[in-house]
Amino acid sequence: MQTVFSFLMAGVPCPAMEGRRASLRAQLLMKIRAAALDELRTSGAAHLCLRKVAKAAGISPSGLYRYVDGRDGLLELLISDGFESFGQAIGEAIDAAGNDPLDRLEAMALGYRRWARANPEWFGLILGTPVPGFQARVDGPTTASVYRFGEPMVRVVADVHVAGLRSGPNAGAARIDLVNFDSAVVLDAPLKDLLARGWARIHGLVMLETFGHLVWTDANVEELLRTEVRAIMAELGTAAASTR
């Protein structure tokens, strides 16, 4: 029977020890993530303090560098986690809405708003003002997270568009071509334009509300958002939009 001692004497890694190290590393990384998010909410992205994050995670400041590459590495971790959390919340809202494409589009917009209002600092970091001196790496963890964040929204918009093409005045128009590729969604040019315009309208309202720029209107932002969704539905060619 091989023991830890026999592995050490042989100069080869012990599977049990390697597994324990990996487990401890994963646990500590979770603590670092939680501490970084708390620091983001307390101090803001531009004033993120690595020393405070390390202290909250129970490690030394120098020890933090074993897990993240300084401030930029910590920001990449926060951005990646933010997009993952945001995308999951939107996906859950869409799934809870049933199968009707129009209901799913509205659920997507309202889910977008709920997450942003619940996580304003995170929202500001991932889709707001850039952090001075920071640029996420193209080959870093944020890229795949952005794809996963966007995929459920793209699919809902595509479904609504296809439903409109099949049943509305534009029946017979060019079909939408969606292809899965490494968690990315490849779109044709017309749908990209529609998606960009629709996202700008929803995001603009949510951004203005989240950061207090609509308080002067006394507006019901949820109703404003529903109105924008109906307008987007109409633009996507959905005949049913006029009856909802």
Protein backbone atom coordinates (compact mmCIF):
# COMPACT_ATOMS: atom_id res chain seq x y z
CA MET A 1 0.00 0.00 0.00
CA GLN A 2 1.42 3.35 -1.04
CA THR A 3 1.47 6.13 1.53
CA VAL A 4 2.12 9.85 1.29
CA PHE A 5 5.62 9.13 2.63
CA SER A 6 6.33 6.61 -0.14
CA PHE A 7 5.33 9.16 -2.79
CA LEU A 8 7.62 11.75 -1.20
CA MET A 9 10.52 9.31 -1.09
CA ALA A 10 9.97 8.48 -4.75
CA GLY A 11 9.96 12.17 -5.67
CA VAL A 12 6.58 12.03 -7.41
CA PRO A 13 3.36 13.93 -6.61
CA CYS A 14 0.91 12.25 -4.27
CA PRO A 15 -2.61 12.25 -5.77
CA ALA A 16 -4.21 12.76 -2.35
CA MET A 17 -1.97 15.73 -1.55
CA GLU A 18 -2.45 17.23 -5.02
CA GLY A 19 -6.22 16.93 -4.64
CA ARG A 20 -6.12 18.58 -1.23
CA ARG A 21 -3.97 21.44 -2.55
CA ALA A 22 -6.37 22.00 -5.44
CA SER A 23 -9.33 22.02 -3.05
CA LEU A 24 -7.67 24.49 -0.68
CA ARG A 25 -6.68 26.72 -3.59
CA ALA A 26 -10.26 26.73 -4.91
CA GLN A 27 -11.60 27.60 -1.46
CA LEU A 28 -9.14 30.46 -1.04
CA LEU A 29 -9.89 31.76 -4.52
CA MET A 30 -13.58 31.87 -3.58
CA LYS A 31 -12.66 33.93 -0.50
CA ILE A 32 -10.60 36.29 -2.67
CA ARG A 33 -13.51 36.69 -5.10
CA ALA A 34 -15.94 37.49 -2.27
CA ALA A 35 -13.49 39.90 -0.63
CA ALA A 36 -12.84 41.65 -3.95
CA LEU A 37 -16.57 42.10 -4.56
CA ASP A 38 -17.03 43.56 -1.07
CA GLU A 39 -14.14 45.94 -1.70
CA LEU A 40 -15.61 46.94 -5.07
CA ARG A 41 -18.92 47.77 -3.39
CA THR A 42 -17.18 49.72 -0.62
CA SER A 43 -14.43 51.60 -2.45
CA GLY A 44 -15.30 51.42 -6.16
CA ALA A 45 -13.30 49.95 -9.01
CA ALA A 46 -10.91 52.89 -9.38
CA HIS A 47 -9.89 52.65 -5.71
CA LEU A 48 -9.73 48.89 -5.32
CA CYS A 49 -7.26 48.12 -2.51
CA LEU A 50 -5.38 44.84 -2.83
CA ARG A 51 -4.20 45.03 0.78
CA LYS A 52 -7.78 45.15 2.04
CA VAL A 53 -8.79 42.28 -0.23
CA ALA A 54 -5.90 40.16 1.02
CA LYS A 55 -6.69 40.92 4.66
CA ALA A 56 -10.37 40.03 4.21
CA ALA A 57 -9.39 36.77 2.49
CA GLY A 58 -7.03 35.90 5.35
CA ILE A 59 -3.76 36.03 3.40
CA SER A 60 -0.81 38.39 3.11
CA PRO A 61 -0.69 41.03 0.34
CA SER A 62 2.21 39.18 -1.27
CA GLY A 63 0.27 35.92 -1.02
CA LEU A 64 -2.52 37.44 -3.09
CA TYR A 65 -0.18 37.50 -6.10
CA ARG A 66 -0.11 33.70 -6.10
CA TYR A 67 -3.75 33.78 -7.17
CA VAL A 68 -4.18 36.97 -9.22
CA ASP A 69 -1.84 39.12 -11.27
CA GLY A 70 -2.08 42.28 -9.19
CA ARG A 71 -4.82 44.87 -9.57
CA ASP A 72 -5.49 44.07 -13.22
CA GLY A 73 -5.84 40.38 -12.48
CA LEU A 74 -8.28 41.14 -9.68
CA LEU A 75 -10.31 43.42 -11.95
CA GLU A 76 -10.42 40.70 -14.61
CA LEU A 77 -11.72 38.28 -12.00
CA LEU A 78 -14.41 40.74 -10.90
CA ILE A 79 -15.44 41.50 -14.48
CA SER A 80 -15.58 37.83 -15.42
CA ASP A 81 -17.63 36.96 -12.32
CA GLY A 82 -19.89 39.95 -12.97
CA PHE A 83 -20.73 38.90 -16.51
CA GLU A 84 -21.31 35.32 -15.35
CA SER A 85 -23.68 36.46 -12.58
CA PHE A 86 -25.48 38.92 -14.86
CA GLY A 87 -25.88 36.38 -17.66
CA GLN A 88 -27.15 33.73 -15.27
CA ALA A 89 -29.76 36.11 -13.83
CA ILE A 90 -30.97 37.08 -17.30
CA GLY A 91 -31.06 33.45 -18.41
CA GLU A 92 -33.13 32.47 -15.37
CA ALA A 93 -35.57 35.33 -16.01
CA ILE A 94 -35.96 34.23 -19.62
CA ASP A 95 -36.47 30.57 -18.72
CA ALA A 96 -39.14 31.47 -16.15
CA ALA A 97 -41.14 33.31 -18.81
CA GLY A 98 -42.15 30.20 -20.74
CA ASN A 99 -41.87 29.62 -24.48
CA ASP A 100 -43.53 32.66 -26.01
CA PRO A 101 -40.75 34.73 -27.67
CA LEU A 102 -42.42 38.04 -26.81
CA ASP A 103 -42.82 37.16 -23.13
CA ARG A 104 -39.20 36.04 -23.07
CA LEU A 105 -38.01 39.33 -24.56
CA GLU A 106 -39.87 41.30 -21.90
CA ALA A 107 -38.54 39.01 -19.16
CA MET A 108 -35.02 39.55 -20.49
CA ALA A 109 -35.35 43.33 -20.24
CA LEU A 110 -36.86 43.25 -16.76
CA GLY A 111 -34.24 40.74 -15.59
CA TYR A 112 -31.54 43.05 -16.94
CA ARG A 113 -32.96 45.90 -14.88
CA ARG A 114 -33.32 43.84 -11.69
CA TRP A 115 -29.71 42.67 -11.73
CA ALA A 116 -28.34 46.15 -12.44
CA ARG A 117 -30.35 47.72 -9.63
CA ALA A 118 -29.27 44.99 -7.19
CA ASN A 119 -25.58 45.28 -8.20
CA PRO A 120 -24.90 48.90 -9.21
CA GLU A 121 -21.14 48.80 -8.53
CA TRP A 122 -20.71 45.54 -10.44
CA PHE A 123 -22.90 46.86 -13.25
CA GLY A 124 -20.83 50.04 -13.43
CA LEU A 125 -17.60 48.04 -13.59
CA ILE A 126 -18.59 45.70 -16.40
CA LEU A 127 -20.74 48.02 -18.54
CA GLY A 128 -20.09 51.52 -17.25
CA THR A 129 -17.12 53.84 -16.89
CA PRO A 130 -13.77 52.20 -17.77
CA VAL A 131 -11.22 51.95 -14.96
CA PRO A 132 -8.31 54.34 -15.70
CA GLY A 133 -5.21 52.47 -16.84
CA PHE A 134 -6.93 49.10 -17.11
CA GLN A 135 -7.49 47.02 -20.24
CA ALA A 136 -8.74 43.45 -20.00
CA ARG A 137 -6.70 40.91 -21.94
CA VAL A 138 -8.31 39.49 -25.06
CA ASP A 139 -7.10 36.03 -24.04
CA GLY A 140 -8.09 36.56 -20.39
CA PRO A 141 -11.11 35.20 -18.50
CA THR A 142 -13.43 38.08 -19.40
CA THR A 143 -13.80 37.18 -23.08
CA ALA A 144 -15.57 33.84 -22.60
CA SER A 145 -17.72 35.36 -19.84
CA VAL A 146 -18.89 38.14 -22.16
CA TYR A 147 -19.98 35.56 -24.74
CA ARG A 148 -21.92 33.60 -22.12
CA PHE A 149 -23.50 36.82 -20.84
CA GLY A 150 -24.71 37.81 -24.31
CA GLU A 151 -25.85 34.47 -25.65
CA PRO A 152 -29.29 34.22 -23.96
CA MET A 153 -30.14 37.79 -25.00
CA VAL A 154 -29.07 37.18 -28.57
CA ARG A 155 -31.16 34.03 -28.77
CA VAL A 156 -34.28 35.73 -27.43
CA VAL A 157 -33.98 38.60 -29.90
CA ALA A 158 -33.37 36.12 -32.73
CA ASP A 159 -36.41 34.04 -31.70
CA VAL A 160 -38.63 37.14 -31.68
CA HIS A 161 -37.28 38.20 -35.06
CA VAL A 162 -37.84 34.76 -36.57
CA ALA A 163 -41.38 34.65 -35.14
CA GLY A 164 -42.10 37.98 -36.81
CA LEU A 165 -40.64 36.89 -40.13
CA ARG A 166 -42.79 33.76 -40.10
CA SER A 167 -46.08 35.37 -39.09
CA GLY A 168 -45.83 39.07 -39.84
CA PRO A 169 -45.77 41.25 -42.93
CA ASN A 170 -42.15 40.29 -43.62
CA ALA A 171 -42.89 36.57 -43.99
CA GLY A 172 -40.49 34.95 -46.40
CA ALA A 173 -37.61 37.33 -45.67
CA ALA A 174 -34.11 36.02 -45.13
CA ARG A 175 -33.84 33.60 -42.23
CA ILE A 176 -31.66 34.21 -39.19
CA ASP A 177 -28.56 32.06 -39.07
CA LEU A 178 -27.33 31.29 -35.54
CA VAL A 179 -24.34 29.03 -35.02
CA ASN A 180 -22.88 27.89 -31.70
CA PHE A 181 -19.10 28.12 -31.58
CA ASP A 182 -17.21 27.95 -28.29
CA SER A 183 -20.02 29.66 -26.37
CA ALA A 184 -20.15 32.47 -28.94
CA VAL A 185 -23.12 33.22 -31.16
CA VAL A 186 -22.44 34.19 -34.76
CA LEU A 187 -25.05 36.54 -36.22
CA ASP A 188 -25.83 37.86 -39.65
CA ALA A 189 -25.38 41.61 -40.15
CA PRO A 190 -29.06 42.71 -40.08
CA LEU A 191 -29.71 40.99 -36.76
CA LYS A 192 -26.52 42.45 -35.30
CA ASP A 193 -27.83 45.92 -36.09
CA LEU A 194 -31.25 45.17 -34.58
CA LEU A 195 -29.68 43.69 -31.47
CA ALA A 196 -27.36 46.68 -31.03
CA ARG A 197 -30.22 49.17 -31.29
CA GLY A 198 -32.45 47.19 -28.95
CA TRP A 199 -29.71 46.73 -26.37
CA ALA A 200 -28.85 50.44 -26.50
CA ARG A 201 -32.45 51.36 -25.68
CA ILE A 202 -32.81 48.92 -22.80
CA HIS A 203 -29.32 49.52 -21.44
CA GLY A 204 -29.68 53.28 -21.70
CA LEU A 205 -32.83 53.35 -19.58
CA VAL A 206 -31.38 50.95 -17.02
CA MET A 207 -28.09 52.85 -16.80
CA LEU A 208 -29.85 56.19 -16.32
CA GLU A 209 -32.08 54.78 -13.60
CA THR A 210 -29.36 52.82 -11.81
CA PHE A 211 -27.16 55.88 -11.39
CA GLY A 212 -29.93 58.27 -10.42
CA HIS A 213 -30.36 60.24 -13.64
CA LEU A 214 -34.12 59.72 -13.97
CA VAL A 215 -35.24 60.89 -10.52
CA TRP A 216 -36.38 64.21 -11.97
CA THR A 217 -38.96 62.51 -14.20
CA ASP A 218 -41.03 60.70 -11.53
CA ALA A 219 -41.41 58.09 -14.27
CA ASN A 220 -42.38 54.47 -13.79
CA VAL A 221 -39.19 53.03 -15.25
CA GLU A 222 -40.57 49.51 -15.47
CA GLU A 223 -43.41 50.77 -17.65
CA LEU A 224 -40.96 52.78 -19.74
CA LEU A 225 -38.97 49.61 -20.21
CA ARG A 226 -42.06 47.65 -21.26
CA THR A 227 -42.85 50.39 -23.79
CA GLU A 228 -39.35 50.11 -25.22
CA VAL A 229 -39.71 46.33 -25.43
CA ARG A 230 -42.92 46.70 -27.43
CA ALA A 231 -41.16 49.13 -29.76
CA ILE A 232 -38.30 46.67 -30.19
CA MET A 233 -40.81 43.91 -30.92
CA ALA A 234 -42.35 46.02 -33.66
CA GLU A 235 -38.95 46.79 -35.13
CA LEU A 236 -38.10 43.10 -35.11
CA GLY A 237 -41.08 42.55 -37.37
CA THR A 238 -43.42 40.93 -34.85
CA ALA A 239 -47.01 41.50 -35.90
CA ALA A 240 -48.25 40.53 -32.44
CA ALA A 241 -46.46 43.51 -30.88
CA SER A 242 -49.32 45.85 -31.78
CA THR A 243 -51.83 43.75 -29.83
CA ARG A 244 -49.90 43.40 -26.57
